[in-house]
Amino acid sequence: MTKIRITKQFSFETGHALYGYDGKCKNVHGHSYKLSVTVSGTPILDASHVKFGMVIDFGDLKKIVKEEIVDQFDHATVFNQNTPHVELANELKNRGHHVILVDYQPTSENMVTDFAARIKNRLPHDVELHSLKLQETESSFAEWYASDNT
């Protein structure tokens, strides 16, 4: 059986701050993130199946990533819950802003790891998450590969 990889791309806007960092990113700022999600599997061979020839319907993959990542992180500000930024986060929440508190430093590296876990939990049993690429700027990105994390 032939294994195939398919990729769907997403974009969203998210703000964050890196507490304790020694550069500009210690300040609250935002990025236009681009997320590429690649899954692998064997296309459905049953000609009577509505998804015949597909590894996963692009629409089904879109629904998973939209619910788990895009809808939650788009136009949100992400802070590490274990830093003094919690005071700022609470103030923003009280003023009606969308704030996400995570248990990690919200770097691209940690965000892509979080995203991988969220997506893997929602994929059908016969579809595997192959890789993610989270692009923070035009020239900077973090990648997660299943083969590196077994």
N, C-alpha and C. Protein backbone atom coordinates (compact mmCIF):
# COMPACT_ATOMS: atom_id res chain seq x y z
N MET A 1 0.84 -1.19 0.00
CA MET A 1 0.00 0.00 0.00
C MET A 1 0.88 1.25 0.00
N THR A 2 0.44 2.24 -0.73
CA THR A 2 1.19 3.48 -0.85
C THR A 2 0.84 4.43 0.28
N LYS A 3 1.86 4.91 0.98
CA LYS A 3 1.66 5.95 2.00
C LYS A 3 1.81 7.30 1.32
N ILE A 4 0.92 8.20 1.66
CA ILE A 4 0.91 9.54 1.07
C ILE A 4 0.91 10.56 2.19
N ARG A 5 1.60 11.66 1.95
CA ARG A 5 1.57 12.81 2.87
C ARG A 5 0.75 13.92 2.21
N ILE A 6 -0.11 14.52 2.99
CA ILE A 6 -0.82 15.70 2.52
C ILE A 6 -0.60 16.84 3.50
N THR A 7 -0.64 18.05 3.00
CA THR A 7 -0.36 19.23 3.82
C THR A 7 -1.45 20.27 3.62
N LYS A 8 -1.86 20.88 4.71
CA LYS A 8 -2.80 22.01 4.67
C LYS A 8 -2.16 23.15 5.44
N GLN A 9 -2.32 24.37 4.93
CA GLN A 9 -1.72 25.54 5.55
C GLN A 9 -2.79 26.43 6.18
N PHE A 10 -2.40 27.06 7.27
CA PHE A 10 -3.29 27.94 8.03
C PHE A 10 -2.55 29.21 8.40
N SER A 11 -3.29 30.25 8.70
CA SER A 11 -2.66 31.48 9.20
C SER A 11 -3.52 32.07 10.31
N PHE A 12 -2.85 32.73 11.25
CA PHE A 12 -3.54 33.37 12.36
C PHE A 12 -2.61 34.41 12.98
N GLU A 13 -3.20 35.34 13.69
CA GLU A 13 -2.47 36.43 14.35
C GLU A 13 -2.48 36.17 15.85
N THR A 14 -1.31 36.20 16.46
CA THR A 14 -1.21 35.96 17.90
C THR A 14 -0.14 36.86 18.50
N GLY A 15 -0.44 37.38 19.68
CA GLY A 15 0.53 38.16 20.44
C GLY A 15 1.12 37.31 21.56
N HIS A 16 2.30 37.69 22.00
CA HIS A 16 2.92 36.99 23.13
C HIS A 16 4.03 37.87 23.71
N ALA A 17 4.59 37.41 24.81
CA ALA A 17 5.75 38.04 25.43
C ALA A 17 6.57 36.93 26.07
N LEU A 18 7.89 37.07 26.00
CA LEU A 18 8.79 36.06 26.56
C LEU A 18 9.41 36.61 27.85
N TYR A 19 8.83 36.22 28.96
CA TYR A 19 9.31 36.70 30.25
C TYR A 19 10.72 36.21 30.51
N GLY A 20 11.59 37.13 30.96
CA GLY A 20 12.96 36.78 31.30
C GLY A 20 13.91 36.77 30.12
N TYR A 21 13.39 36.97 28.93
CA TYR A 21 14.22 36.96 27.73
C TYR A 21 15.08 38.23 27.69
N ASP A 22 16.25 38.15 27.08
CA ASP A 22 17.18 39.29 27.09
C ASP A 22 17.13 40.13 25.81
N GLY A 23 16.09 39.99 25.04
CA GLY A 23 15.97 40.76 23.80
C GLY A 23 14.61 41.43 23.70
N LYS A 24 14.32 41.94 22.51
CA LYS A 24 13.08 42.69 22.27
C LYS A 24 11.82 41.87 22.53
N CYS A 25 11.90 40.57 22.38
CA CYS A 25 10.71 39.73 22.52
C CYS A 25 10.22 39.60 23.97
N LYS A 26 10.93 40.26 24.91
CA LYS A 26 10.40 40.30 26.28
C LYS A 26 9.18 41.22 26.34
N ASN A 27 9.06 42.10 25.34
CA ASN A 27 7.92 43.01 25.26
C ASN A 27 6.75 42.31 24.56
N VAL A 28 5.54 42.71 24.93
CA VAL A 28 4.36 42.18 24.27
C VAL A 28 4.39 42.61 22.81
N HIS A 29 4.23 41.65 21.92
CA HIS A 29 4.24 41.90 20.48
C HIS A 29 3.48 40.78 19.79
N GLY A 30 3.29 40.89 18.49
CA GLY A 30 2.52 39.88 17.78
C GLY A 30 3.17 39.42 16.51
N HIS A 31 2.64 38.32 15.98
CA HIS A 31 3.14 37.73 14.74
C HIS A 31 1.96 37.30 13.88
N SER A 32 2.19 37.29 12.59
CA SER A 32 1.27 36.69 11.63
C SER A 32 1.80 35.28 11.38
N TYR A 33 1.33 34.34 12.18
CA TYR A 33 1.82 32.96 12.10
C TYR A 33 1.25 32.25 10.88
N LYS A 34 2.08 31.37 10.31
CA LYS A 34 1.65 30.45 9.27
C LYS A 34 1.97 29.05 9.77
N LEU A 35 0.96 28.19 9.75
CA LEU A 35 1.12 26.82 10.23
C LEU A 35 0.85 25.85 9.09
N SER A 36 1.85 25.01 8.79
CA SER A 36 1.69 23.95 7.80
C SER A 36 1.57 22.63 8.54
N VAL A 37 0.48 21.91 8.27
CA VAL A 37 0.20 20.64 8.94
C VAL A 37 0.28 19.53 7.90
N THR A 38 1.21 18.59 8.12
CA THR A 38 1.37 17.47 7.21
C THR A 38 1.01 16.18 7.93
N VAL A 39 0.10 15.42 7.33
CA VAL A 39 -0.30 14.13 7.87
C VAL A 39 0.02 13.06 6.83
N SER A 40 0.10 11.81 7.28
CA SER A 40 0.38 10.72 6.35
C SER A 40 -0.57 9.56 6.61
N GLY A 41 -0.77 8.80 5.57
CA GLY A 41 -1.63 7.63 5.67
C GLY A 41 -1.81 7.00 4.31
N THR A 42 -2.61 5.97 4.28
CA THR A 42 -2.92 5.26 3.04
C THR A 42 -4.28 5.74 2.54
N PRO A 43 -4.36 6.15 1.29
CA PRO A 43 -5.66 6.55 0.75
C PRO A 43 -6.69 5.42 0.87
N ILE A 44 -7.91 5.78 1.13
CA ILE A 44 -9.00 4.80 1.25
C ILE A 44 -9.19 4.12 -0.10
N LEU A 45 -9.16 2.79 -0.10
CA LEU A 45 -9.21 2.02 -1.34
C LEU A 45 -10.61 1.52 -1.68
N ASP A 46 -11.53 1.63 -0.75
CA ASP A 46 -12.90 1.17 -0.95
C ASP A 46 -13.66 2.15 -1.85
N ALA A 47 -13.94 1.72 -3.10
CA ALA A 47 -14.59 2.60 -4.08
C ALA A 47 -15.99 3.03 -3.65
N SER A 48 -16.60 2.31 -2.72
CA SER A 48 -17.94 2.69 -2.26
C SER A 48 -17.90 3.69 -1.10
N HIS A 49 -16.71 3.95 -0.57
CA HIS A 49 -16.55 4.88 0.56
C HIS A 49 -16.62 6.31 0.04
N VAL A 50 -17.31 7.16 0.74
CA VAL A 50 -17.48 8.55 0.32
C VAL A 50 -16.15 9.30 0.25
N LYS A 51 -15.13 8.86 0.97
CA LYS A 51 -13.81 9.50 0.98
C LYS A 51 -12.80 8.69 0.16
N PHE A 52 -13.29 7.91 -0.79
CA PHE A 52 -12.46 7.06 -1.65
C PHE A 52 -11.31 7.86 -2.25
N GLY A 53 -10.08 7.32 -2.09
CA GLY A 53 -8.90 7.96 -2.66
C GLY A 53 -8.24 8.98 -1.75
N MET A 54 -8.82 9.25 -0.59
CA MET A 54 -8.28 10.27 0.32
C MET A 54 -7.58 9.64 1.51
N VAL A 55 -6.50 10.29 1.96
CA VAL A 55 -5.88 9.95 3.25
C VAL A 55 -6.78 10.49 4.35
N ILE A 56 -7.14 11.75 4.22
CA ILE A 56 -8.11 12.43 5.06
C ILE A 56 -8.67 13.56 4.22
N ASP A 57 -9.92 13.82 4.37
CA ASP A 57 -10.55 14.92 3.65
C ASP A 57 -9.90 16.23 4.13
N PHE A 58 -9.45 17.08 3.20
CA PHE A 58 -8.86 18.35 3.60
C PHE A 58 -9.82 19.14 4.50
N GLY A 59 -11.11 19.02 4.25
CA GLY A 59 -12.10 19.70 5.09
C GLY A 59 -12.10 19.18 6.52
N ASP A 60 -11.91 17.87 6.69
CA ASP A 60 -11.85 17.29 8.03
C ASP A 60 -10.59 17.75 8.76
N LEU A 61 -9.45 17.80 8.04
CA LEU A 61 -8.21 18.28 8.64
C LEU A 61 -8.36 19.75 9.02
N LYS A 62 -8.98 20.53 8.14
CA LYS A 62 -9.21 21.95 8.42
C LYS A 62 -10.05 22.13 9.68
N LYS A 63 -11.09 21.33 9.84
CA LYS A 63 -11.95 21.42 11.02
C LYS A 63 -11.15 21.17 12.30
N ILE A 64 -10.31 20.14 12.29
CA ILE A 64 -9.51 19.81 13.47
C ILE A 64 -8.58 20.96 13.83
N VAL A 65 -7.81 21.45 12.86
CA VAL A 65 -6.82 22.49 13.13
C VAL A 65 -7.51 23.81 13.48
N LYS A 66 -8.61 24.09 12.82
CA LYS A 66 -9.35 25.32 13.12
C LYS A 66 -9.83 25.30 14.57
N GLU A 67 -10.44 24.19 15.00
CA GLU A 67 -10.97 24.10 16.36
C GLU A 67 -9.87 24.08 17.41
N GLU A 68 -8.79 23.34 17.16
CA GLU A 68 -7.74 23.16 18.16
C GLU A 68 -6.74 24.31 18.22
N ILE A 69 -6.49 24.97 17.09
CA ILE A 69 -5.43 25.99 17.04
C ILE A 69 -5.97 27.35 16.63
N VAL A 70 -6.45 27.46 15.41
CA VAL A 70 -6.78 28.76 14.85
C VAL A 70 -7.85 29.48 15.66
N ASP A 71 -8.97 28.83 15.95
CA ASP A 71 -10.05 29.48 16.70
C ASP A 71 -9.60 29.89 18.10
N GLN A 72 -8.67 29.15 18.67
CA GLN A 72 -8.22 29.46 20.03
C GLN A 72 -7.13 30.53 20.07
N PHE A 73 -6.19 30.47 19.12
CA PHE A 73 -5.02 31.35 19.17
C PHE A 73 -5.15 32.62 18.33
N ASP A 74 -6.06 32.65 17.37
CA ASP A 74 -6.16 33.82 16.51
C ASP A 74 -6.61 35.05 17.31
N HIS A 75 -5.86 36.10 17.20
CA HIS A 75 -6.11 37.37 17.89
C HIS A 75 -6.17 37.21 19.42
N ALA A 76 -5.36 36.29 19.91
CA ALA A 76 -5.19 36.12 21.35
C ALA A 76 -3.79 36.57 21.73
N THR A 77 -3.60 36.79 23.02
CA THR A 77 -2.26 37.07 23.55
C THR A 77 -1.91 35.92 24.48
N VAL A 78 -0.73 35.34 24.28
CA VAL A 78 -0.31 34.15 25.02
C VAL A 78 0.78 34.52 26.02
N PHE A 79 0.58 34.10 27.25
CA PHE A 79 1.56 34.33 28.31
C PHE A 79 1.83 33.02 29.03
N ASN A 80 3.04 32.87 29.55
CA ASN A 80 3.37 31.76 30.44
C ASN A 80 2.66 32.02 31.76
N GLN A 81 1.89 31.04 32.22
CA GLN A 81 1.11 31.20 33.45
C GLN A 81 1.97 31.30 34.71
N ASN A 82 3.25 30.97 34.61
CA ASN A 82 4.13 30.96 35.77
C ASN A 82 5.04 32.18 35.84
N THR A 83 4.64 33.28 35.22
CA THR A 83 5.46 34.49 35.22
C THR A 83 4.65 35.67 35.75
N PRO A 84 5.33 36.76 36.06
CA PRO A 84 4.60 37.96 36.48
C PRO A 84 3.68 38.55 35.39
N HIS A 85 3.80 38.06 34.16
CA HIS A 85 2.87 38.50 33.12
C HIS A 85 1.43 38.14 33.46
N VAL A 86 1.23 37.28 34.46
CA VAL A 86 -0.12 36.89 34.86
C VAL A 86 -0.91 38.12 35.30
N GLU A 87 -0.25 39.06 35.96
CA GLU A 87 -0.94 40.28 36.38
C GLU A 87 -1.42 41.05 35.15
N LEU A 88 -0.58 41.18 34.14
CA LEU A 88 -0.95 41.85 32.91
C LEU A 88 -2.06 41.06 32.21
N ALA A 89 -1.94 39.74 32.19
CA ALA A 89 -2.95 38.88 31.55
C ALA A 89 -4.31 39.08 32.21
N ASN A 90 -4.33 39.12 33.53
CA ASN A 90 -5.60 39.31 34.24
C ASN A 90 -6.20 40.68 33.95
N GLU A 91 -5.36 41.71 33.88
CA GLU A 91 -5.84 43.04 33.55
C GLU A 91 -6.45 43.07 32.15
N LEU A 92 -5.76 42.44 31.20
CA LEU A 92 -6.28 42.38 29.83
C LEU A 92 -7.60 41.60 29.78
N LYS A 93 -7.66 40.47 30.49
CA LYS A 93 -8.91 39.69 30.52
C LYS A 93 -10.05 40.53 31.08
N ASN A 94 -9.77 41.27 32.16
CA ASN A 94 -10.79 42.11 32.77
C ASN A 94 -11.30 43.19 31.82
N ARG A 95 -10.48 43.55 30.85
CA ARG A 95 -10.86 44.56 29.86
C ARG A 95 -11.41 43.93 28.58
N GLY A 96 -11.67 42.63 28.64
CA GLY A 96 -12.33 41.96 27.52
C GLY A 96 -11.41 41.41 26.45
N HIS A 97 -10.11 41.35 26.71
CA HIS A 97 -9.17 40.81 25.73
C HIS A 97 -9.11 39.28 25.82
N HIS A 98 -8.78 38.65 24.69
CA HIS A 98 -8.64 37.20 24.63
C HIS A 98 -7.21 36.84 25.02
N VAL A 99 -7.05 36.22 26.18
CA VAL A 99 -5.73 35.87 26.72
C VAL A 99 -5.68 34.36 26.95
N ILE A 100 -4.56 33.77 26.58
CA ILE A 100 -4.34 32.35 26.83
C ILE A 100 -3.13 32.22 27.75
N LEU A 101 -3.31 31.50 28.85
CA LEU A 101 -2.20 31.21 29.75
C LEU A 101 -1.76 29.77 29.51
N VAL A 102 -0.49 29.58 29.23
CA VAL A 102 0.06 28.25 28.97
C VAL A 102 1.11 27.91 30.01
N ASP A 103 1.45 26.64 30.10
CA ASP A 103 2.44 26.21 31.10
C ASP A 103 3.84 26.13 30.52
N TYR A 104 4.10 26.94 29.50
CA TYR A 104 5.42 26.97 28.86
C TYR A 104 5.73 28.39 28.40
N GLN A 105 7.00 28.65 28.13
CA GLN A 105 7.41 29.91 27.52
C GLN A 105 6.86 29.90 26.09
N PRO A 106 6.07 30.89 25.68
CA PRO A 106 5.39 30.83 24.37
C PRO A 106 6.30 31.17 23.18
N THR A 107 7.34 30.36 23.03
CA THR A 107 8.22 30.46 21.86
C THR A 107 7.60 29.64 20.73
N SER A 108 8.08 29.85 19.52
CA SER A 108 7.61 29.03 18.39
C SER A 108 7.89 27.56 18.64
N GLU A 109 9.04 27.25 19.24
CA GLU A 109 9.40 25.86 19.52
C GLU A 109 8.38 25.20 20.45
N ASN A 110 8.02 25.89 21.52
CA ASN A 110 7.07 25.31 22.46
C ASN A 110 5.65 25.31 21.92
N MET A 111 5.30 26.34 21.17
CA MET A 111 3.95 26.39 20.59
C MET A 111 3.75 25.26 19.59
N VAL A 112 4.74 24.99 18.74
CA VAL A 112 4.59 23.94 17.74
C VAL A 112 4.49 22.56 18.42
N THR A 113 5.15 22.39 19.54
CA THR A 113 5.04 21.14 20.31
C THR A 113 3.64 20.99 20.88
N ASP A 114 3.11 22.06 21.45
CA ASP A 114 1.74 22.08 21.97
C ASP A 114 0.75 21.77 20.86
N PHE A 115 0.92 22.42 19.71
CA PHE A 115 0.01 22.22 18.58
C PHE A 115 0.03 20.77 18.11
N ALA A 116 1.21 20.16 18.09
CA ALA A 116 1.33 18.76 17.65
C ALA A 116 0.49 17.86 18.56
N ALA A 117 0.58 18.05 19.85
CA ALA A 117 -0.18 17.22 20.78
C ALA A 117 -1.68 17.42 20.58
N ARG A 118 -2.11 18.65 20.38
CA ARG A 118 -3.54 18.94 20.18
C ARG A 118 -4.07 18.28 18.91
N ILE A 119 -3.31 18.37 17.84
CA ILE A 119 -3.75 17.83 16.55
C ILE A 119 -3.72 16.30 16.58
N LYS A 120 -2.66 15.71 17.11
CA LYS A 120 -2.54 14.25 17.17
C LYS A 120 -3.73 13.62 17.88
N ASN A 121 -4.21 14.26 18.94
CA ASN A 121 -5.33 13.73 19.71
C ASN A 121 -6.64 13.69 18.94
N ARG A 122 -6.72 14.44 17.85
CA ARG A 122 -7.98 14.54 17.10
C ARG A 122 -7.97 13.78 15.77
N LEU A 123 -6.82 13.31 15.33
CA LEU A 123 -6.75 12.64 14.03
C LEU A 123 -7.37 11.24 14.08
N PRO A 124 -7.96 10.80 12.97
CA PRO A 124 -8.45 9.42 12.91
C PRO A 124 -7.30 8.44 13.17
N HIS A 125 -7.62 7.26 13.67
CA HIS A 125 -6.59 6.29 14.06
C HIS A 125 -5.67 5.87 12.92
N ASP A 126 -6.14 5.95 11.69
CA ASP A 126 -5.33 5.50 10.55
C ASP A 126 -4.57 6.64 9.85
N VAL A 127 -4.61 7.83 10.45
CA VAL A 127 -3.89 9.00 9.91
C VAL A 127 -2.90 9.45 10.97
N GLU A 128 -1.65 9.64 10.56
CA GLU A 128 -0.60 10.04 11.50
C GLU A 128 -0.14 11.47 11.23
N LEU A 129 0.13 12.19 12.29
CA LEU A 129 0.73 13.51 12.13
C LEU A 129 2.19 13.31 11.75
N HIS A 130 2.57 13.80 10.61
CA HIS A 130 3.95 13.66 10.12
C HIS A 130 4.81 14.82 10.59
N SER A 131 4.33 16.06 10.37
CA SER A 131 5.14 17.23 10.75
C SER A 131 4.28 18.48 10.81
N LEU A 132 4.83 19.45 11.51
CA LEU A 132 4.26 20.80 11.59
C LEU A 132 5.38 21.79 11.33
N LYS A 133 5.03 22.87 10.67
CA LYS A 133 5.96 23.98 10.49
C LYS A 133 5.22 25.23 10.93
N LEU A 134 5.74 25.90 11.97
CA LEU A 134 5.14 27.12 12.48
C LEU A 134 6.06 28.27 12.13
N GLN A 135 5.61 29.08 11.19
CA GLN A 135 6.40 30.20 10.72
C GLN A 135 5.97 31.45 11.48
N GLU A 136 6.95 32.04 12.19
CA GLU A 136 6.70 33.22 13.02
C GLU A 136 6.90 34.51 12.22
N THR A 137 7.91 34.52 11.38
CA THR A 137 8.17 35.65 10.50
C THR A 137 8.49 35.08 9.12
N GLU A 138 8.74 35.94 8.17
CA GLU A 138 9.05 35.50 6.81
C GLU A 138 10.29 34.60 6.77
N SER A 139 11.21 34.80 7.72
CA SER A 139 12.46 34.05 7.68
C SER A 139 12.73 33.18 8.91
N SER A 140 11.75 33.05 9.81
CA SER A 140 11.97 32.30 11.05
C SER A 140 10.82 31.33 11.31
N PHE A 141 11.18 30.07 11.57
CA PHE A 141 10.14 29.08 11.83
C PHE A 141 10.68 27.95 12.69
N ALA A 142 9.75 27.23 13.30
CA ALA A 142 10.07 26.02 14.08
C ALA A 142 9.35 24.86 13.42
N GLU A 143 10.01 23.70 13.42
CA GLU A 143 9.41 22.52 12.83
C GLU A 143 9.36 21.38 13.85
N TRP A 144 8.29 20.61 13.78
CA TRP A 144 8.11 19.43 14.62
C TRP A 144 7.92 18.24 13.67
N TYR A 145 8.69 17.18 13.88
CA TYR A 145 8.56 15.95 13.08
C TYR A 145 8.27 14.77 14.00
N ALA A 146 7.30 13.97 13.63
CA ALA A 146 6.97 12.77 14.43
C ALA A 146 8.20 11.87 14.55
N SER A 147 8.98 11.75 13.49
CA SER A 147 10.15 10.85 13.50
C SER A 147 11.20 11.28 14.52
N ASP A 148 11.22 12.55 14.89
CA ASP A 148 12.16 13.05 15.89
C ASP A 148 11.62 12.86 17.31
N ASN A 149 10.36 12.48 17.44
CA ASN A 149 9.68 12.48 18.73
C ASN A 149 9.04 11.13 19.04
N THR A 150 9.73 10.05 18.70
CA THR A 150 9.19 8.72 18.99
C THR A 150 9.82 8.12 20.21
